């Protein structure tokens, strides 16, 4: 595959993931009340929650810092893809490029929530559903929106035997985090890189064309 086609493939992956992620989030946000769940199977539910933090509900630092961090990270990843495609030989592996595009798309998908959802939606108490562009304004200023999550996979659960140190007798559920399509894209991309493309994690050299442009 030529570098041009690889570039179009990476762009298509990023656009497709971001668009699908946002369509799903907008549907959940305007169709479910906060905390509502729909059982699809014993091991899978659509469960609408929101979080202020990073993937799988983790929270690190302030909301504004996290939003700015995401923007800088996506900009860095896009630049990294550009350098991969513009670098001199050897040619970048297409699978690795797709994995980097998945991580980029996942990070970008959650940026839209943080940037715009606070001003786009109100935050009514359950069982009311959020309204898009409410007349009284949104629930938070720009850059302070909450990330919408909906995928919940309670695959199995059990009680730890009483003889197990520390956790003996406690209830254990796997898998507890609720996540979205953007989180899944980041996770799949990173796992694929670590498992199959760890040797490709180097910053590419400048191409001859880049060197000439600097003179």
C-alpha atoms as a PDB file:
ATOM      1  CA  UNK A   1       0.000   0.000   0.000  1.00  0.00           C
ATOM      2  CA  UNK A   2       1.373   3.414  -0.958  1.00  0.00           C
ATOM      3  CA  UNK A   3       1.927   6.095   1.664  1.00  0.00           C
ATOM      4  CA  UNK A   4      -0.865   8.178   0.153  1.00  0.00           C
ATOM      5  CA  UNK A   5      -3.319   5.312   0.554  1.00  0.00           C
ATOM      6  CA  UNK A   6      -2.071   4.690   4.065  1.00  0.00           C
ATOM      7  CA  UNK A   7      -2.754   8.344   4.842  1.00  0.00           C
ATOM      8  CA  UNK A   8      -6.292   8.120   3.515  1.00  0.00           C
ATOM      9  CA  UNK A   9      -6.836   4.900   5.485  1.00  0.00           C
ATOM     10  CA  UNK A  10      -5.658   6.544   8.718  1.00  0.00           C
ATOM     11  CA  UNK A  11      -7.902   9.552   8.085  1.00  0.00           C
ATOM     12  CA  UNK A  12     -10.869   7.280   7.332  1.00  0.00           C
ATOM     13  CA  UNK A  13     -10.353   5.330  10.574  1.00  0.00           C
ATOM     14  CA  UNK A  14     -10.185   8.524  12.633  1.00  0.00           C
ATOM     15  CA  UNK A  15     -13.253  10.098  11.024  1.00  0.00           C
ATOM     16  CA  UNK A  16     -15.314   6.880  11.201  1.00  0.00           C
ATOM     17  CA  UNK A  17     -14.575   6.257  14.880  1.00  0.00           C
ATOM     18  CA  UNK A  18     -15.194   9.880  15.901  1.00  0.00           C
ATOM     19  CA  UNK A  19     -18.477  10.113  13.964  1.00  0.00           C
ATOM     20  CA  UNK A  20     -19.805   6.762  15.241  1.00  0.00           C
ATOM     21  CA  UNK A  21     -18.740   7.599  18.794  1.00  0.00           C
ATOM     22  CA  UNK A  22     -20.501  10.963  18.721  1.00  0.00           C
ATOM     23  CA  UNK A  23     -23.677   9.606  17.113  1.00  0.00           C
ATOM     24  CA  UNK A  24     -23.918   6.944  19.797  1.00  0.00           C
ATOM     25  CA  UNK A  25     -23.288   9.442  22.591  1.00  0.00           C
ATOM     26  CA  UNK A  26     -25.856  11.902  21.248  1.00  0.00           C
ATOM     27  CA  UNK A  27     -28.430   9.119  20.998  1.00  0.00           C
ATOM     28  CA  UNK A  28     -27.772   7.944  24.552  1.00  0.00           C
ATOM     29  CA  UNK A  29     -27.686  11.485  25.933  1.00  0.00           C
ATOM     30  CA  UNK A  30     -31.051  12.402  24.384  1.00  0.00           C
ATOM     31  CA  UNK A  31     -32.786   9.033  24.890  1.00  0.00           C
ATOM     32  CA  UNK A  32     -31.672   7.828  28.341  1.00  0.00           C
ATOM     33  CA  UNK A  33     -31.892   9.513  31.705  1.00  0.00           C
ATOM     34  CA  UNK A  34     -28.751   9.509  33.830  1.00  0.00           C
ATOM     35  CA  UNK A  35     -28.352   6.092  35.451  1.00  0.00           C
ATOM     36  CA  UNK A  36     -30.812   4.339  33.136  1.00  0.00           C
ATOM     37  CA  UNK A  37     -29.808   0.919  31.829  1.00  0.00           C
ATOM     38  CA  UNK A  38     -31.149  -1.366  29.125  1.00  0.00           C
ATOM     39  CA  UNK A  39     -30.324  -5.059  29.358  1.00  0.00           C
ATOM     40  CA  UNK A  40     -29.214  -6.472  26.015  1.00  0.00           C
ATOM     41  CA  UNK A  41     -27.956  -9.783  27.410  1.00  0.00           C
ATOM     42  CA  UNK A  42     -26.966 -11.223  30.776  1.00  0.00           C
ATOM     43  CA  UNK A  43     -23.406 -10.043  30.118  1.00  0.00           C
ATOM     44  CA  UNK A  44     -24.095  -6.760  28.297  1.00  0.00           C
ATOM     45  CA  UNK A  45     -26.058  -3.614  29.143  1.00  0.00           C
ATOM     46  CA  UNK A  46     -26.398  -0.090  27.841  1.00  0.00           C
ATOM     47  CA  UNK A  47     -25.893   1.903  31.034  1.00  0.00           C
ATOM     48  CA  UNK A  48     -25.832   5.711  30.780  1.00  0.00           C
ATOM     49  CA  UNK A  49     -23.363   7.389  33.095  1.00  0.00           C
ATOM     50  CA  UNK A  50     -21.115  10.450  32.844  1.00  0.00           C
ATOM     51  CA  UNK A  51     -17.651  11.108  34.210  1.00  0.00           C
ATOM     52  CA  UNK A  52     -15.270  14.029  34.592  1.00  0.00           C
ATOM     53  CA  UNK A  53     -12.130  12.054  33.966  1.00  0.00           C
ATOM     54  CA  UNK A  54     -10.264   9.929  31.507  1.00  0.00           C
ATOM     55  CA  UNK A  55     -11.011   6.498  30.048  1.00  0.00           C
ATOM     56  CA  UNK A  56     -13.175   4.144  32.134  1.00  0.00           C
ATOM     57  CA  UNK A  57     -14.103   6.906  34.575  1.00  0.00           C
ATOM     58  CA  UNK A  58     -10.633   7.561  35.971  1.00  0.00           C
ATOM     59  CA  UNK A  59     -10.019  11.078  37.250  1.00  0.00           C
ATOM     60  CA  UNK A  60      -6.607  12.763  37.249  1.00  0.00           C
ATOM     61  CA  UNK A  61      -6.232  16.485  37.896  1.00  0.00           C
ATOM     62  CA  UNK A  62      -8.703  19.243  37.141  1.00  0.00           C
ATOM     63  CA  UNK A  63     -11.321  19.112  34.395  1.00  0.00           C
ATOM     64  CA  UNK A  64      -9.744  21.962  32.421  1.00  0.00           C
ATOM     65  CA  UNK A  65      -6.326  20.306  32.641  1.00  0.00           C
ATOM     66  CA  UNK A  66      -7.727  17.007  31.328  1.00  0.00           C
ATOM     67  CA  UNK A  67      -9.437  18.708  28.392  1.00  0.00           C
ATOM     68  CA  UNK A  68      -6.309  20.643  27.432  1.00  0.00           C
ATOM     69  CA  UNK A  69      -4.228  17.494  27.871  1.00  0.00           C
ATOM     70  CA  UNK A  70      -6.498  15.613  25.451  1.00  0.00           C
ATOM     71  CA  UNK A  71      -6.197  18.389  22.858  1.00  0.00           C
ATOM     72  CA  UNK A  72      -2.394  18.420  23.107  1.00  0.00           C
ATOM     73  CA  UNK A  73      -2.281  14.607  22.968  1.00  0.00           C
ATOM     74  CA  UNK A  74      -4.432  14.456  19.820  1.00  0.00           C
ATOM     75  CA  UNK A  75      -2.343  17.161  18.155  1.00  0.00           C
ATOM     76  CA  UNK A  76       0.793  15.188  18.996  1.00  0.00           C
ATOM     77  CA  UNK A  77      -0.666  11.952  17.661  1.00  0.00           C
ATOM     78  CA  UNK A  78      -1.738  13.587  14.393  1.00  0.00           C
ATOM     79  CA  UNK A  79       1.766  15.005  14.001  1.00  0.00           C
ATOM     80  CA  UNK A  80       3.203  11.552  14.726  1.00  0.00           C
ATOM     81  CA  UNK A  81       1.036  10.024  11.971  1.00  0.00           C
ATOM     82  CA  UNK A  82       2.190  12.749   9.587  1.00  0.00           C
ATOM     83  CA  UNK A  83       5.825  11.996  10.398  1.00  0.00           C
ATOM     84  CA  UNK A  84       5.233   8.268   9.938  1.00  0.00           C
ATOM     85  CA  UNK A  85       3.922   8.895   6.448  1.00  0.00           C
ATOM     86  CA  UNK A  86       6.534  11.511   5.556  1.00  0.00           C
ATOM     87  CA  UNK A  87       9.534   9.635   6.942  1.00  0.00           C
ATOM     88  CA  UNK A  88      12.245   7.974   4.928  1.00  0.00           C
ATOM     89  CA  UNK A  89      12.423   4.190   4.569  1.00  0.00           C
ATOM     90  CA  UNK A  90      11.486   1.717   5.916  1.00  0.00           C
ATOM     91  CA  UNK A  91       7.835   2.227   5.087  1.00  0.00           C
ATOM     92  CA  UNK A  92       5.491   2.216   8.089  1.00  0.00           C
ATOM     93  CA  UNK A  93       3.451  -0.949   8.594  1.00  0.00           C
ATOM     94  CA  UNK A  94      -0.208  -0.416   7.743  1.00  0.00           C
ATOM     95  CA  UNK A  95      -1.415  -2.305  10.821  1.00  0.00           C
ATOM     96  CA  UNK A  96       0.649  -0.107  13.115  1.00  0.00           C
ATOM     97  CA  UNK A  97      -0.666   3.021  11.409  1.00  0.00           C
ATOM     98  CA  UNK A  98      -4.265   1.848  11.895  1.00  0.00           C
ATOM     99  CA  UNK A  99      -3.581   1.224  15.599  1.00  0.00           C
ATOM    100  CA  UNK A 100      -2.174   4.746  16.045  1.00  0.00           C
ATOM    101  CA  UNK A 101      -5.219   6.096  14.186  1.00  0.00           C
ATOM    102  CA  UNK A 102      -7.527   4.218  16.589  1.00  0.00           C
ATOM    103  CA  UNK A 103      -5.794   5.755  19.608  1.00  0.00           C
ATOM    104  CA  UNK A 104      -5.973   9.200  17.996  1.00  0.00           C
ATOM    105  CA  UNK A 105      -9.666   8.785  17.174  1.00  0.00           C
ATOM    106  CA  UNK A 106     -10.485   7.625  20.690  1.00  0.00           C
ATOM    107  CA  UNK A 107      -8.759  10.605  22.267  1.00  0.00           C
ATOM    108  CA  UNK A 108     -10.448  12.973  19.810  1.00  0.00           C
ATOM    109  CA  UNK A 109     -13.892  11.467  20.421  1.00  0.00           C
ATOM    110  CA  UNK A 110     -13.816  12.281  24.122  1.00  0.00           C
ATOM    111  CA  UNK A 111     -12.599  15.825  23.410  1.00  0.00           C
ATOM    112  CA  UNK A 112     -15.963  16.735  21.856  1.00  0.00           C
ATOM    113  CA  UNK A 113     -17.761  15.769  25.073  1.00  0.00           C
ATOM    114  CA  UNK A 114     -15.443  17.893  27.189  1.00  0.00           C
ATOM    115  CA  UNK A 115     -15.518  20.885  24.866  1.00  0.00           C
ATOM    116  CA  UNK A 116     -19.159  21.138  23.902  1.00  0.00           C
ATOM    117  CA  UNK A 117     -21.517  18.935  25.922  1.00  0.00           C
ATOM    118  CA  UNK A 118     -21.565  21.318  28.874  1.00  0.00           C
ATOM    119  CA  UNK A 119     -22.997  24.112  26.718  1.00  0.00           C
ATOM    120  CA  UNK A 120     -25.092  21.833  24.485  1.00  0.00           C
ATOM    121  CA  UNK A 121     -27.125  20.023  27.150  1.00  0.00           C
ATOM    122  CA  UNK A 122     -28.881  20.684  30.427  1.00  0.00           C
ATOM    123  CA  UNK A 123     -28.526  18.307  33.370  1.00  0.00           C
ATOM    124  CA  UNK A 124     -32.033  17.396  34.600  1.00  0.00           C
ATOM    125  CA  UNK A 125     -32.631  15.019  37.515  1.00  0.00           C
ATOM    126  CA  UNK A 126     -33.720  11.451  36.617  1.00  0.00           C
ATOM    127  CA  UNK A 127     -36.007  10.301  35.120  1.00  0.00           C
ATOM    128  CA  UNK A 128     -35.929  13.394  32.870  1.00  0.00           C
ATOM    129  CA  UNK A 129     -33.853  13.168  29.692  1.00  0.00           C
ATOM    130  CA  UNK A 130     -31.336  15.864  28.797  1.00  0.00           C
ATOM    131  CA  UNK A 131     -32.408  18.501  26.292  1.00  0.00           C
ATOM    132  CA  UNK A 132     -30.104  19.641  23.504  1.00  0.00           C
ATOM    133  CA  UNK A 133     -29.531  23.416  23.360  1.00  0.00           C
ATOM    134  CA  UNK A 134     -31.908  24.213  26.249  1.00  0.00           C
ATOM    135  CA  UNK A 135     -33.260  27.786  26.408  1.00  0.00           C
ATOM    136  CA  UNK A 136     -31.753  28.303  29.871  1.00  0.00           C
ATOM    137  CA  UNK A 137     -28.296  27.228  28.760  1.00  0.00           C
ATOM    138  CA  UNK A 138     -26.157  24.196  29.445  1.00  0.00           C
ATOM    139  CA  UNK A 139     -24.936  22.655  32.663  1.00  0.00           C
ATOM    140  CA  UNK A 140     -21.282  23.754  32.373  1.00  0.00           C
ATOM    141  CA  UNK A 141     -19.075  26.243  30.509  1.00  0.00           C
ATOM    142  CA  UNK A 142     -16.956  25.423  27.475  1.00  0.00           C
ATOM    143  CA  UNK A 143     -14.146  22.916  28.181  1.00  0.00           C
ATOM    144  CA  UNK A 144     -15.974  21.528  31.238  1.00  0.00           C
ATOM    145  CA  UNK A 145     -18.418  19.032  29.742  1.00  0.00           C
ATOM    146  CA  UNK A 146     -18.746  15.478  31.039  1.00  0.00           C
ATOM    147  CA  UNK A 147     -17.842  12.385  29.027  1.00  0.00           C
ATOM    148  CA  UNK A 148     -20.768  10.094  28.134  1.00  0.00           C
ATOM    149  CA  UNK A 149     -20.296   6.355  28.760  1.00  0.00           C
ATOM    150  CA  UNK A 150     -22.708   3.538  27.996  1.00  0.00           C
ATOM    151  CA  UNK A 151     -21.101   0.117  27.459  1.00  0.00           C
ATOM    152  CA  UNK A 152     -21.316  -2.148  30.515  1.00  0.00           C
ATOM    153  CA  UNK A 153     -20.153  -5.765  30.496  1.00  0.00           C
ATOM    154  CA  UNK A 154     -20.857  -7.523  33.841  1.00  0.00           C
ATOM    155  CA  UNK A 155     -19.373 -10.777  32.549  1.00  0.00           C
ATOM    156  CA  UNK A 156     -19.304 -12.734  35.799  1.00  0.00           C
ATOM    157  CA  UNK A 157     -19.318 -12.282  39.570  1.00  0.00           C
ATOM    158  CA  UNK A 158     -18.531 -14.255  42.717  1.00  0.00           C
ATOM    159  CA  UNK A 159     -17.688 -13.933  46.394  1.00  0.00           C
ATOM    160  CA  UNK A 160     -14.084 -14.415  47.374  1.00  0.00           C
ATOM    161  CA  UNK A 161     -13.558 -17.388  49.730  1.00  0.00           C
ATOM    162  CA  UNK A 162     -13.223 -16.317  53.343  1.00  0.00           C
ATOM    163  CA  UNK A 163      -9.674 -17.695  53.556  1.00  0.00           C
ATOM    164  CA  UNK A 164      -8.353 -15.296  50.871  1.00  0.00           C
ATOM    165  CA  UNK A 165      -6.291 -12.512  52.515  1.00  0.00           C
ATOM    166  CA  UNK A 166      -7.611  -8.927  52.399  1.00  0.00           C
ATOM    167  CA  UNK A 167     -10.573  -9.596  50.054  1.00  0.00           C
ATOM    168  CA  UNK A 168     -11.981 -12.721  51.698  1.00  0.00           C
ATOM    169  CA  UNK A 169     -15.797 -12.730  51.723  1.00  0.00           C
ATOM    170  CA  UNK A 170     -16.084  -9.667  49.474  1.00  0.00           C
ATOM    171  CA  UNK A 171     -18.173  -9.517  46.299  1.00  0.00           C
ATOM    172  CA  UNK A 172     -16.251  -9.335  43.010  1.00  0.00           C
ATOM    173  CA  UNK A 173     -17.699  -8.318  39.655  1.00  0.00           C
ATOM    174  CA  UNK A 174     -15.879  -8.494  36.353  1.00  0.00           C
ATOM    175  CA  UNK A 175     -15.988  -6.224  34.311  1.00  0.00           C
ATOM    176  CA  UNK A 176     -17.117  -3.159  36.312  1.00  0.00           C
ATOM    177  CA  UNK A 177     -16.012  -0.075  34.306  1.00  0.00           C
ATOM    178  CA  UNK A 178     -18.549   1.561  31.979  1.00  0.00           C
ATOM    179  CA  UNK A 179     -16.979   2.926  28.812  1.00  0.00           C
ATOM    180  CA  UNK A 180     -17.712   4.304  25.348  1.00  0.00           C
ATOM    181  CA  UNK A 181     -16.606   3.629  21.776  1.00  0.00           C
ATOM    182  CA  UNK A 182     -13.759   6.138  22.046  1.00  0.00           C
ATOM    183  CA  UNK A 183     -12.388   4.343  25.123  1.00  0.00           C
ATOM    184  CA  UNK A 184     -12.642   1.021  23.265  1.00  0.00           C
ATOM    185  CA  UNK A 185     -10.718   2.442  20.294  1.00  0.00           C
ATOM    186  CA  UNK A 186      -7.911   3.643  22.567  1.00  0.00           C
ATOM    187  CA  UNK A 187      -7.740   0.305  24.386  1.00  0.00           C
ATOM    188  CA  UNK A 188      -7.779  -1.831  21.233  1.00  0.00           C
ATOM    189  CA  UNK A 189      -5.204   0.374  19.527  1.00  0.00           C
ATOM    190  CA  UNK A 190      -2.827   0.319  22.508  1.00  0.00           C
ATOM    191  CA  UNK A 191      -3.158  -3.440  23.088  1.00  0.00           C
ATOM    192  CA  UNK A 192      -2.513  -4.170  19.418  1.00  0.00           C
ATOM    193  CA  UNK A 193       0.566  -1.943  19.444  1.00  0.00           C
ATOM    194  CA  UNK A 194       1.960  -3.575  22.596  1.00  0.00           C
ATOM    195  CA  UNK A 195       1.235  -7.109  21.368  1.00  0.00           C
ATOM    196  CA  UNK A 196       2.201  -6.857  17.701  1.00  0.00           C
ATOM    197  CA  UNK A 197       3.901  -3.551  16.891  1.00  0.00           C
ATOM    198  CA  UNK A 198       6.049  -2.624  19.892  1.00  0.00           C
ATOM    199  CA  UNK A 199       9.110  -2.631  17.631  1.00  0.00           C
ATOM    200  CA  UNK A 200       7.558   0.139  15.542  1.00  0.00           C
ATOM    201  CA  UNK A 201       7.373   2.584  18.476  1.00  0.00           C
ATOM    202  CA  UNK A 202      10.187   4.843  17.333  1.00  0.00           C
ATOM    203  CA  UNK A 203      10.016   8.429  16.162  1.00  0.00           C
ATOM    204  CA  UNK A 204      10.526   8.403  12.379  1.00  0.00           C
ATOM    205  CA  UNK A 205      13.470  10.105  10.713  1.00  0.00           C
ATOM    206  CA  UNK A 206      12.937  13.137   8.528  1.00  0.00           C
ATOM    207  CA  UNK A 207      12.575  12.523   4.837  1.00  0.00           C
ATOM    208  CA  UNK A 208      14.883  14.077   2.265  1.00  0.00           C
ATOM    209  CA  UNK A 209      12.050  16.427   1.294  1.00  0.00           C
ATOM    210  CA  UNK A 210      11.773  17.606   4.913  1.00  0.00           C
ATOM    211  CA  UNK A 211      15.499  18.276   5.085  1.00  0.00           C
ATOM    212  CA  UNK A 212      15.411  20.328   1.879  1.00  0.00           C
ATOM    213  CA  UNK A 213      12.442  22.366   3.144  1.00  0.00           C
ATOM    214  CA  UNK A 214      14.457  23.426   6.192  1.00  0.00           C
ATOM    215  CA  UNK A 215      17.331  24.828   4.100  1.00  0.00           C
END
